[in-house]
N, C-alpha and C. Protein backbone atom coordinates (compact mmCIF):
# COMPACT_ATOMS: atom_id res chain seq x y z
N MET A 1 72.00 137.65 75.10
CA MET A 1 73.20 136.95 74.72
C MET A 1 73.06 135.48 75.09
N ALA A 2 73.46 134.61 74.20
CA ALA A 2 73.37 133.17 74.43
C ALA A 2 74.54 132.68 75.29
N ARG A 3 74.24 131.69 76.11
CA ARG A 3 75.26 130.96 76.86
C ARG A 3 75.25 129.54 76.34
N HIS A 4 76.42 128.93 76.34
CA HIS A 4 76.53 127.55 75.88
C HIS A 4 77.09 126.75 77.05
N LEU A 5 76.38 125.68 77.39
CA LEU A 5 76.75 124.90 78.56
C LEU A 5 77.02 123.45 78.17
N VAL A 6 77.89 122.82 78.94
CA VAL A 6 78.08 121.38 78.86
C VAL A 6 77.79 120.86 80.25
N ARG A 7 76.91 119.88 80.33
CA ARG A 7 76.46 119.35 81.62
C ARG A 7 76.80 117.86 81.69
N LEU A 8 77.41 117.46 82.81
CA LEU A 8 77.79 116.07 83.06
C LEU A 8 77.11 115.62 84.34
N GLN A 9 76.35 114.54 84.24
CA GLN A 9 75.65 114.02 85.42
C GLN A 9 75.92 112.53 85.51
N PHE A 10 76.26 112.06 86.73
CA PHE A 10 76.64 110.67 86.95
C PHE A 10 75.50 109.75 87.33
N ILE A 11 74.53 110.26 88.11
CA ILE A 11 73.43 109.43 88.57
C ILE A 11 72.13 110.23 88.52
N ALA A 12 71.02 109.51 88.41
CA ALA A 12 69.71 110.15 88.37
C ALA A 12 69.49 111.01 89.61
N ASN A 13 69.02 112.23 89.39
CA ASN A 13 68.73 113.19 90.46
C ASN A 13 69.95 113.52 91.31
N GLY A 14 71.13 113.23 90.80
CA GLY A 14 72.36 113.55 91.52
C GLY A 14 72.92 114.88 91.09
N PRO A 15 74.03 115.26 91.69
CA PRO A 15 74.66 116.53 91.32
C PRO A 15 75.17 116.50 89.89
N ALA A 16 75.29 117.66 89.31
CA ALA A 16 75.81 117.79 87.95
C ALA A 16 76.98 118.77 87.95
N VAL A 17 77.85 118.58 86.98
CA VAL A 17 78.95 119.51 86.74
C VAL A 17 78.61 120.23 85.44
N GLU A 18 78.71 121.55 85.44
CA GLU A 18 78.44 122.33 84.23
C GLU A 18 79.60 123.27 83.95
N GLY A 19 79.90 123.40 82.67
CA GLY A 19 80.82 124.42 82.21
C GLY A 19 80.02 125.38 81.36
N GLU A 20 80.44 126.64 81.31
CA GLU A 20 79.68 127.67 80.59
C GLU A 20 80.60 128.50 79.73
N TRP A 21 80.19 128.77 78.49
CA TRP A 21 80.95 129.58 77.55
C TRP A 21 80.02 130.53 76.81
N THR A 22 80.55 131.64 76.35
CA THR A 22 79.76 132.58 75.55
C THR A 22 79.88 132.28 74.06
N VAL A 23 80.82 131.39 73.70
CA VAL A 23 81.06 131.00 72.31
C VAL A 23 80.82 129.49 72.21
N LEU A 24 80.14 129.04 71.18
CA LEU A 24 79.77 127.64 71.05
C LEU A 24 80.98 126.71 70.86
N GLY A 25 81.97 127.12 70.10
CA GLY A 25 83.11 126.26 69.78
C GLY A 25 83.79 125.62 70.99
N PRO A 26 84.19 126.41 71.99
CA PRO A 26 84.81 125.81 73.17
C PRO A 26 83.87 124.87 73.94
N ALA A 27 82.58 125.15 73.95
CA ALA A 27 81.62 124.26 74.60
C ALA A 27 81.55 122.93 73.86
N GLU A 28 81.55 122.98 72.53
CA GLU A 28 81.55 121.75 71.73
C GLU A 28 82.82 120.94 71.99
N ASP A 29 83.96 121.62 72.11
CA ASP A 29 85.22 120.93 72.41
C ASP A 29 85.16 120.22 73.75
N ARG A 30 84.62 120.88 74.78
CA ARG A 30 84.52 120.27 76.11
C ARG A 30 83.57 119.07 76.07
N TYR A 31 82.45 119.20 75.38
CA TYR A 31 81.49 118.11 75.23
C TYR A 31 82.21 116.88 74.64
N THR A 32 82.97 117.10 73.58
CA THR A 32 83.71 116.01 72.94
C THR A 32 84.75 115.41 73.87
N LYS A 33 85.46 116.25 74.63
CA LYS A 33 86.47 115.75 75.57
C LYS A 33 85.83 114.91 76.67
N TRP A 34 84.70 115.36 77.20
CA TRP A 34 84.03 114.60 78.25
C TRP A 34 83.52 113.26 77.72
N ILE A 35 83.05 113.23 76.49
CA ILE A 35 82.65 111.96 75.89
C ILE A 35 83.87 111.05 75.81
N GLY A 36 85.00 111.58 75.40
CA GLY A 36 86.23 110.80 75.32
C GLY A 36 86.61 110.17 76.64
N LEU A 37 86.32 110.84 77.74
CA LEU A 37 86.63 110.30 79.07
C LEU A 37 85.73 109.11 79.43
N TYR A 38 84.49 109.12 78.97
CA TYR A 38 83.52 108.12 79.41
C TYR A 38 83.17 107.10 78.34
N ASP A 39 83.60 107.31 77.10
CA ASP A 39 83.33 106.36 76.01
C ASP A 39 84.57 105.50 75.80
N THR A 40 84.89 104.70 76.81
CA THR A 40 86.11 103.90 76.78
C THR A 40 85.84 102.42 76.67
N GLY A 41 84.60 102.03 76.44
CA GLY A 41 84.24 100.63 76.45
C GLY A 41 83.85 100.18 77.85
N LEU A 42 84.19 100.99 78.83
CA LEU A 42 83.84 100.72 80.22
C LEU A 42 82.92 101.83 80.72
N ALA A 43 82.03 102.27 79.85
CA ALA A 43 81.17 103.41 80.14
C ALA A 43 80.36 103.19 81.42
N VAL A 44 80.24 104.24 82.20
CA VAL A 44 79.40 104.21 83.39
C VAL A 44 77.96 104.34 82.89
N PRO A 45 77.10 103.34 83.16
CA PRO A 45 75.77 103.32 82.56
C PRO A 45 74.92 104.57 82.78
N ALA A 46 75.04 105.23 83.91
CA ALA A 46 74.16 106.35 84.22
C ALA A 46 74.67 107.70 83.73
N VAL A 47 75.89 107.78 83.21
CA VAL A 47 76.45 109.07 82.81
C VAL A 47 75.68 109.66 81.63
N VAL A 48 75.34 110.95 81.77
CA VAL A 48 74.70 111.71 80.70
C VAL A 48 75.50 112.99 80.50
N ILE A 49 75.86 113.28 79.25
CA ILE A 49 76.57 114.51 78.91
C ILE A 49 75.70 115.25 77.91
N GLN A 50 75.47 116.55 78.18
CA GLN A 50 74.62 117.35 77.29
C GLN A 50 75.32 118.63 76.87
N LEU A 51 75.10 119.01 75.62
CA LEU A 51 75.51 120.31 75.08
C LEU A 51 74.24 121.14 74.98
N ILE A 52 74.20 122.27 75.68
CA ILE A 52 72.98 123.06 75.83
C ILE A 52 73.25 124.51 75.45
N THR A 53 72.29 125.14 74.78
CA THR A 53 72.33 126.57 74.52
C THR A 53 71.21 127.22 75.34
N GLU A 54 71.54 128.32 76.01
CA GLU A 54 70.55 129.04 76.81
C GLU A 54 70.45 130.47 76.31
N THR A 55 69.24 130.89 75.98
CA THR A 55 68.97 132.24 75.54
C THR A 55 67.74 132.74 76.30
N ASP A 56 67.86 133.91 76.91
CA ASP A 56 66.76 134.50 77.67
C ASP A 56 66.19 133.54 78.72
N GLY A 57 67.07 132.79 79.37
CA GLY A 57 66.66 131.88 80.43
C GLY A 57 66.05 130.56 79.97
N ARG A 58 65.95 130.36 78.67
CA ARG A 58 65.37 129.12 78.12
C ARG A 58 66.49 128.24 77.59
N ARG A 59 66.51 127.00 78.04
CA ARG A 59 67.55 126.06 77.62
C ARG A 59 67.05 125.16 76.50
N HIS A 60 67.94 124.93 75.53
CA HIS A 60 67.66 124.04 74.41
C HIS A 60 68.84 123.07 74.28
N VAL A 61 68.56 121.78 74.38
CA VAL A 61 69.60 120.77 74.26
C VAL A 61 69.94 120.57 72.79
N LEU A 62 71.22 120.74 72.47
CA LEU A 62 71.68 120.50 71.10
C LEU A 62 72.03 119.03 70.90
N LYS A 63 72.76 118.45 71.88
CA LYS A 63 73.18 117.05 71.79
C LYS A 63 73.18 116.44 73.18
N THR A 64 72.92 115.13 73.22
CA THR A 64 72.97 114.37 74.46
C THR A 64 73.74 113.08 74.18
N TRP A 65 74.66 112.73 75.10
CA TRP A 65 75.41 111.49 74.98
C TRP A 65 75.16 110.63 76.21
N THR A 66 74.89 109.34 75.99
CA THR A 66 74.80 108.35 77.06
C THR A 66 75.61 107.15 76.61
N GLU A 67 75.66 106.11 77.41
CA GLU A 67 76.39 104.91 77.02
C GLU A 67 75.86 104.30 75.73
N ARG A 68 74.64 104.65 75.36
CA ARG A 68 74.03 104.12 74.13
C ARG A 68 74.39 104.93 72.90
N GLY A 69 75.10 106.04 73.09
CA GLY A 69 75.51 106.87 71.96
C GLY A 69 74.96 108.28 72.06
N GLU A 70 75.05 108.99 70.95
CA GLU A 70 74.68 110.40 70.91
C GLU A 70 73.33 110.58 70.22
N SER A 71 72.57 111.56 70.71
CA SER A 71 71.31 111.92 70.07
C SER A 71 71.21 113.44 70.01
N GLU A 72 70.39 113.91 69.12
CA GLU A 72 70.15 115.35 68.98
C GLU A 72 68.97 115.74 69.86
N GLY A 73 69.09 116.87 70.52
CA GLY A 73 67.99 117.38 71.33
C GLY A 73 67.78 116.61 72.61
N GLY A 74 66.60 116.77 73.20
CA GLY A 74 66.26 116.12 74.46
C GLY A 74 65.86 117.17 75.48
N CYS A 75 65.55 116.74 76.69
CA CYS A 75 65.20 117.71 77.72
C CYS A 75 66.47 118.33 78.29
N ALA A 76 66.40 119.57 78.70
CA ALA A 76 67.58 120.29 79.22
C ALA A 76 67.72 120.07 80.70
N GLY A 77 67.81 118.86 81.09
CA GLY A 77 68.03 118.52 82.48
C GLY A 77 68.91 117.29 82.53
N GLY A 78 69.01 116.73 83.67
CA GLY A 78 69.81 115.53 83.80
C GLY A 78 68.96 114.30 83.62
N ILE A 79 69.39 113.23 84.17
CA ILE A 79 68.72 111.96 84.08
C ILE A 79 67.39 112.07 84.81
N GLY A 80 66.30 111.96 84.09
CA GLY A 80 64.99 112.02 84.71
C GLY A 80 64.61 113.38 85.26
N GLU A 81 65.32 114.42 84.86
CA GLU A 81 65.07 115.76 85.39
C GLU A 81 64.69 116.70 84.26
N ARG A 82 63.80 117.62 84.52
CA ARG A 82 63.46 118.67 83.55
C ARG A 82 63.72 120.01 84.20
N LEU A 83 64.29 120.91 83.44
CA LEU A 83 64.56 122.26 83.95
C LEU A 83 63.50 123.21 83.45
């Protein structure tokens, strides 16, 4: 069974906050809400928000948001981190 996670990290190699859902829709909603909190024109430069799907212990990043905008894919870790 797949898990869908949203990960928020403030600084490189720092702690992360993750939310977990069994359905993708609510995870996508949380990802969008967290972007709304940090995409205010006063973005914190180090913030990274990721939408991740995990199946059989393997994580795949669907989307990543930073102060520079959104991208598809990426590593399933935080800033400078690989899982």
